[in-house]
C-alpha atoms as a PDB file:
ATOM      1  CA  MET A   1       2.157  11.864  23.793  1.00  0.00           C
ATOM      2  CA  VAL A   2       4.034  11.146  20.554  1.00  0.00           C
ATOM      3  CA  LYS A   3       1.804  11.096  17.472  1.00  0.00           C
ATOM      4  CA  LYS A   4       2.343   8.089  15.205  1.00  0.00           C
ATOM      5  CA  GLN A   5       3.109   8.619  11.551  1.00  0.00           C
ATOM      6  CA  CYS A   6       0.232   9.149   9.140  1.00  0.00           C
ATOM      7  CA  ILE A   7      -0.120   6.556   6.375  1.00  0.00           C
ATOM      8  CA  GLY A   8      -2.454   7.106   3.447  1.00  0.00           C
ATOM      9  CA  ILE A   9      -4.091   4.135   1.754  1.00  0.00           C
ATOM     10  CA  ILE A  10      -5.700   4.665  -1.637  1.00  0.00           C
ATOM     11  CA  GLY A  11      -7.904   1.914  -3.048  1.00  0.00           C
ATOM     12  CA  LEU A  12     -10.424  -0.397  -1.447  1.00  0.00           C
ATOM     13  CA  ASN A  13     -10.204  -4.176  -1.433  1.00  0.00           C
ATOM     14  CA  SER A  14      -9.735  -6.931   1.127  1.00  0.00           C
ATOM     15  CA  VAL A  15      -5.942  -6.480   1.156  1.00  0.00           C
ATOM     16  CA  SER A  16      -6.057  -2.688   1.628  1.00  0.00           C
ATOM     17  CA  LEU A  17      -8.581  -3.060   4.450  1.00  0.00           C
ATOM     18  CA  ASP A  18      -6.357  -5.655   6.131  1.00  0.00           C
ATOM     19  CA  PHE A  19      -3.327  -3.341   5.851  1.00  0.00           C
ATOM     20  CA  ALA A  20      -5.395  -0.442   7.241  1.00  0.00           C
ATOM     21  CA  GLU A  21      -6.532  -2.451  10.250  1.00  0.00           C
ATOM     22  CA  ARG A  22      -3.015  -3.741  10.965  1.00  0.00           C
ATOM     23  CA  LEU A  23      -1.673  -0.176  10.774  1.00  0.00           C
ATOM     24  CA  VAL A  24      -4.327   1.171  13.168  1.00  0.00           C
ATOM     25  CA  LEU A  25      -3.717  -1.683  15.612  1.00  0.00           C
ATOM     26  CA  SER A  26       0.003  -0.807  15.504  1.00  0.00           C
ATOM     27  CA  GLY A  27      -0.814   2.774  16.461  1.00  0.00           C
ATOM     28  CA  PHE A  28      -0.558   4.536  13.093  1.00  0.00           C
ATOM     29  CA  GLU A  29      -2.950   7.202  11.911  1.00  0.00           C
ATOM     30  CA  VAL A  30      -4.606   5.742   8.793  1.00  0.00           C
ATOM     31  CA  LEU A  31      -6.305   7.852   6.130  1.00  0.00           C
ATOM     32  CA  LEU A  32      -8.243   5.721   3.639  1.00  0.00           C
ATOM     33  CA  SER A  33      -9.516   6.889   0.259  1.00  0.00           C
ATOM     34  CA  THR A  34     -10.659   5.522  -3.049  1.00  0.00           C
ATOM     35  CA  THR A  35     -10.365   6.581  -6.668  1.00  0.00           C
ATOM     36  CA  GLY A  36     -13.899   5.380  -7.257  1.00  0.00           C
ATOM     37  CA  CYS A  37     -17.206   6.798  -6.186  1.00  0.00           C
ATOM     38  CA  PRO A  38     -17.059   8.352  -2.688  1.00  0.00           C
ATOM     39  CA  MET A  39     -20.300   6.559  -1.888  1.00  0.00           C
ATOM     40  CA  ILE A  40     -18.389   3.268  -1.950  1.00  0.00           C
ATOM     41  CA  PHE A  41     -17.334   3.997   1.630  1.00  0.00           C
ATOM     42  CA  ARG A  42     -20.947   3.540   2.686  1.00  0.00           C
ATOM     43  CA  ASP A  43     -20.746  -0.077   1.521  1.00  0.00           C
ATOM     44  CA  PHE A  44     -17.373  -0.652   3.202  1.00  0.00           C
ATOM     45  CA  SER A  45     -18.088   1.224   6.447  1.00  0.00           C
ATOM     46  CA  LYS A  46     -19.200  -1.906   8.291  1.00  0.00           C
ATOM     47  CA  PHE A  47     -15.780  -3.467   7.575  1.00  0.00           C
ATOM     48  CA  LEU A  48     -13.671  -0.510   8.734  1.00  0.00           C
ATOM     49  CA  HIS A  49     -11.970  -0.320  12.107  1.00  0.00           C
ATOM     50  CA  PRO A  50     -13.468   2.687  13.941  1.00  0.00           C
ATOM     51  CA  LYS A  51     -10.080   4.470  13.994  1.00  0.00           C
ATOM     52  CA  ILE A  52      -9.618   4.305  10.201  1.00  0.00           C
ATOM     53  CA  LYS A  53     -10.498   7.703   8.762  1.00  0.00           C
ATOM     54  CA  SER A  54     -12.329   7.894   5.448  1.00  0.00           C
ATOM     55  CA  VAL A  55     -10.906  10.943   3.636  1.00  0.00           C
ATOM     56  CA  SER A  56     -10.547  12.579   0.230  1.00  0.00           C
ATOM     57  CA  LEU A  57      -7.945  11.382  -2.239  1.00  0.00           C
ATOM     58  CA  SER A  58      -5.814  14.521  -1.698  1.00  0.00           C
ATOM     59  CA  GLU A  59      -5.846  14.046   2.099  1.00  0.00           C
ATOM     60  CA  ALA A  60      -4.651  10.434   1.869  1.00  0.00           C
ATOM     61  CA  ALA A  61      -2.045  11.447  -0.733  1.00  0.00           C
ATOM     62  CA  GLY A  62      -0.739  14.095   1.678  1.00  0.00           C
ATOM     63  CA  CYS A  63       0.780  11.509   4.040  1.00  0.00           C
ATOM     64  CA  GLU A  64       4.531  10.850   3.958  1.00  0.00           C
ATOM     65  CA  ILE A  65       3.868   7.148   3.330  1.00  0.00           C
ATOM     66  CA  ILE A  66       1.225   6.203   0.766  1.00  0.00           C
ATOM     67  CA  ILE A  67       0.105   2.672  -0.070  1.00  0.00           C
ATOM     68  CA  LEU A  68      -1.613   2.308  -3.440  1.00  0.00           C
ATOM     69  CA  PHE A  69      -4.075  -0.466  -4.204  1.00  0.00           C
ATOM     70  CA  ILE A  70      -5.067   0.888  -7.620  1.00  0.00           C
ATOM     71  CA  SER A  71      -4.811  -0.040 -11.268  1.00  0.00           C
ATOM     72  CA  LYS A  72      -2.115   1.320 -13.557  1.00  0.00           C
ATOM     73  CA  GLU A  73      -4.828   3.315 -15.329  1.00  0.00           C
ATOM     74  CA  LYS A  74      -5.613   5.272 -12.132  1.00  0.00           C
ATOM     75  CA  MET A  75      -1.981   6.236 -11.398  1.00  0.00           C
ATOM     76  CA  LEU A  76      -1.967   9.580 -13.185  1.00  0.00           C
ATOM     77  CA  GLU A  77      -5.141  10.657 -11.383  1.00  0.00           C
ATOM     78  CA  VAL A  78      -3.683   9.719  -8.000  1.00  0.00           C
ATOM     79  CA  ALA A  79      -0.240  11.209  -8.710  1.00  0.00           C
ATOM     80  CA  SER A  80      -1.836  14.560  -9.539  1.00  0.00           C
ATOM     81  CA  GLU A  81      -3.255  14.612  -5.987  1.00  0.00           C
ATOM     82  CA  ILE A  82       0.125  14.107  -4.260  1.00  0.00           C
ATOM     83  CA  PRO A  83       1.109  17.602  -3.102  1.00  0.00           C
ATOM     84  CA  LYS A  84       4.858  17.033  -2.996  1.00  0.00           C
ATOM     85  CA  THR A  85       6.662  13.812  -3.783  1.00  0.00           C
ATOM     86  CA  SER A  86      10.172  14.512  -2.525  1.00  0.00           C
ATOM     87  CA  GLY A  87      10.901  12.330   0.477  1.00  0.00           C
ATOM     88  CA  LYS A  88       7.677  10.327   0.197  1.00  0.00           C
ATOM     89  CA  ILE A  89       7.597   6.563   0.204  1.00  0.00           C
ATOM     90  CA  VAL A  90       4.952   5.233  -2.188  1.00  0.00           C
ATOM     91  CA  PHE A  91       4.067   1.554  -1.954  1.00  0.00           C
ATOM     92  CA  TYR A  92       2.426  -0.080  -4.952  1.00  0.00           C
ATOM     93  CA  HIS A  93       0.590  -3.335  -4.290  1.00  0.00           C
ATOM     94  CA  ASN A  94       0.821  -6.267  -6.724  1.00  0.00           C
ATOM     95  CA  TYR A  95      -0.752  -9.716  -6.470  1.00  0.00           C
ATOM     96  CA  LEU A  96       1.248 -12.882  -7.018  1.00  0.00           C
ATOM     97  CA  VAL A  97      -1.630 -15.370  -7.237  1.00  0.00           C
ATOM     98  CA  ASP A  98      -3.759 -16.254 -10.231  1.00  0.00           C
ATOM     99  CA  ASN A  99      -6.043 -19.272  -9.829  1.00  0.00           C
ATOM    100  CA  GLY A 100      -3.669 -20.723  -7.266  1.00  0.00           C
ATOM    101  CA  ASN A 101      -0.594 -20.274  -9.478  1.00  0.00           C
ATOM    102  CA  VAL A 102       2.089 -17.814  -8.413  1.00  0.00           C
ATOM    103  CA  VAL A 103       2.642 -15.216 -11.142  1.00  0.00           C
ATOM    104  CA  LEU A 104       3.698 -11.573 -11.354  1.00  0.00           C
ATOM    105  CA  LYS A 105       0.729  -9.322 -12.106  1.00  0.00           C
ATOM    106  CA  ASN A 106       2.849  -6.990 -14.215  1.00  0.00           C
ATOM    107  CA  SER A 107       4.958  -9.130 -16.506  1.00  0.00           C
ATOM    108  CA  SER A 108       5.367  -6.582 -19.321  1.00  0.00           C
ATOM    109  CA  SER A 109       8.494  -4.461 -19.725  1.00  0.00           C
ATOM    110  CA  ASN A 110       6.482  -1.386 -18.711  1.00  0.00           C
ATOM    111  CA  THR A 111       5.474  -2.393 -15.194  1.00  0.00           C
ATOM    112  CA  SER A 112       3.132  -0.423 -12.980  1.00  0.00           C
ATOM    113  CA  SER A 113       5.971   0.568 -10.664  1.00  0.00           C
ATOM    114  CA  GLU A 114       7.996   1.864 -13.628  1.00  0.00           C
ATOM    115  CA  VAL A 115       5.019   3.931 -14.753  1.00  0.00           C
ATOM    116  CA  LEU A 116       4.562   5.208 -11.193  1.00  0.00           C
ATOM    117  CA  ALA A 117       8.260   6.098 -10.878  1.00  0.00           C
ATOM    118  CA  GLY A 118       7.957   8.145 -14.058  1.00  0.00           C
ATOM    119  CA  ILE A 119       4.956  10.033 -12.669  1.00  0.00           C
ATOM    120  CA  VAL A 120       6.412  10.712  -9.183  1.00  0.00           C
ATOM    121  CA  PRO A 121      10.184  10.640  -9.850  1.00  0.00           C
ATOM    122  CA  SER A 122      11.265  12.194  -6.557  1.00  0.00           C
ATOM    123  CA  ALA A 123       9.399   9.644  -4.418  1.00  0.00           C
ATOM    124  CA  THR A 124      10.808   6.280  -3.392  1.00  0.00           C
ATOM    125  CA  ILE A 125       8.754   3.479  -4.928  1.00  0.00           C
ATOM    126  CA  VAL A 126       8.306   0.212  -3.047  1.00  0.00           C
ATOM    127  CA  ASP A 127       6.592  -2.735  -4.712  1.00  0.00           C
ATOM    128  CA  ILE A 128       4.730  -5.005  -2.324  1.00  0.00           C
ATOM    129  CA  PHE A 129       3.505  -8.403  -3.441  1.00  0.00           C
ATOM    130  CA  THR A 130       0.998 -10.561  -1.601  1.00  0.00           C
ATOM    131  CA  PRO A 131       0.959 -14.212  -2.676  1.00  0.00           C
ATOM    132  CA  PHE A 132      -2.431 -14.844  -1.083  1.00  0.00           C
ATOM    133  CA  GLU A 133      -5.839 -13.428  -0.403  1.00  0.00           C
ATOM    134  CA  ILE A 134      -5.477 -11.946   3.053  1.00  0.00           C
ATOM    135  CA  ASN A 135      -7.815 -13.415   5.622  1.00  0.00           C
ATOM    136  CA  THR A 136      -8.151 -11.238   8.707  1.00  0.00           C
ATOM    137  CA  SER A 137      -8.832 -14.215  10.993  1.00  0.00           C
ATOM    138  CA  LYS A 138      -6.900 -13.709  14.219  1.00  0.00           C
ATOM    139  CA  ASN A 139      -6.150 -17.456  14.408  1.00  0.00           C
ATOM    140  CA  GLU A 140      -4.081 -17.659  11.243  1.00  0.00           C
ATOM    141  CA  SER A 141      -0.312 -17.885  11.062  1.00  0.00           C
ATOM    142  CA  LYS A 142       1.872 -14.952  10.034  1.00  0.00           C
ATOM    143  CA  ARG A 143       1.522 -14.123   6.327  1.00  0.00           C
ATOM    144  CA  SER A 144       4.357 -13.305   3.949  1.00  0.00           C
ATOM    145  CA  VAL A 145       4.618 -10.035   2.057  1.00  0.00           C
ATOM    146  CA  PHE A 146       7.315  -9.700  -0.567  1.00  0.00           C
ATOM    147  CA  TYR A 147       8.712  -6.242  -1.203  1.00  0.00           C
ATOM    148  CA  ALA A 148      11.203  -4.614  -3.552  1.00  0.00           C
ATOM    149  CA  THR A 149      12.882  -1.230  -3.741  1.00  0.00           C
ATOM    150  CA  ASN A 150      16.092   0.074  -5.229  1.00  0.00           C
ATOM    151  CA  ASP A 151      16.617   2.420  -2.252  1.00  0.00           C
ATOM    152  CA  ILE A 152      18.669   0.501   0.310  1.00  0.00           C
ATOM    153  CA  LYS A 153      17.982   3.079   3.051  1.00  0.00           C
ATOM    154  CA  VAL A 154      14.245   2.669   2.629  1.00  0.00           C
ATOM    155  CA  ARG A 155      14.486  -1.120   2.450  1.00  0.00           C
ATOM    156  CA  ASP A 156      15.213  -1.449   6.183  1.00  0.00           C
ATOM    157  CA  LYS A 157      12.433   0.985   7.095  1.00  0.00           C
ATOM    158  CA  VAL A 158       9.943  -0.984   4.979  1.00  0.00           C
ATOM    159  CA  GLU A 159      11.043  -4.271   6.513  1.00  0.00           C
ATOM    160  CA  GLN A 160      10.559  -2.923  10.034  1.00  0.00           C
ATOM    161  CA  LEU A 161       7.112  -1.578   9.157  1.00  0.00           C
ATOM    162  CA  LEU A 162       5.984  -4.912   7.665  1.00  0.00           C
ATOM    163  CA  ILE A 163       7.297  -6.827  10.684  1.00  0.00           C
ATOM    164  CA  GLN A 164       5.508  -4.387  12.998  1.00  0.00           C
ATOM    165  CA  LEU A 165       2.313  -5.206  11.086  1.00  0.00           C
ATOM    166  CA  ASN A 166       2.900  -8.915  11.827  1.00  0.00           C
ATOM    167  CA  PHE A 167       3.915  -9.860   8.304  1.00  0.00           C
ATOM    168  CA  ASN A 168       6.821 -12.066   7.358  1.00  0.00           C
ATOM    169  CA  ALA A 169       8.747  -9.466   5.283  1.00  0.00           C
ATOM    170  CA  ILE A 170      10.702 -10.928   2.362  1.00  0.00           C
ATOM    171  CA  TRP A 171      12.899  -8.601   0.316  1.00  0.00           C
ATOM    172  CA  MET A 172      13.125  -9.288  -3.410  1.00  0.00           C
ATOM    173  CA  ASN A 173      16.357  -7.883  -4.789  1.00  0.00           C
ATOM    174  CA  MET A 174      15.264  -6.107  -7.962  1.00  0.00           C
ATOM    175  CA  PRO A 175      18.069  -5.305 -10.432  1.00  0.00           C
ATOM    176  CA  LYS A 176      17.963  -1.901 -12.108  1.00  0.00           C
END
């Protein structure tokens, strides 16, 4: 039996839980952690798919693919837990909705992904943007996830992963 790739998710919210469930249902090993109080898992445990593993921050950060659902202020803490960054793909989640209006969460010149790239320079950074609050209802239509990366080789891998998770993957060409 071939073991599926491990994906670490750091941060708890409705979007991260939806990603975790989609990953598990697609056969991935999912390690879920939080930068907050470890006891928060007790509150979220009733929402977790039984195959999602609740782990320490360093365990989730040890995966080759990491998806971050954290604030810019927590980045340094999380980056210090990543054992090696070379060859890793680090997704950073951004919202595109504010009171029903589509906006970029990080509109300053010093975006969260730029800060993250400075902290883990040998990792490939992928911004993912969700222009909606994810509803895990099985009767809904396919949702769009926008993504951006400057690494063209990783772009195709990210697109395939998002499609496998039943998202409509839309690449946003981000100039350097």
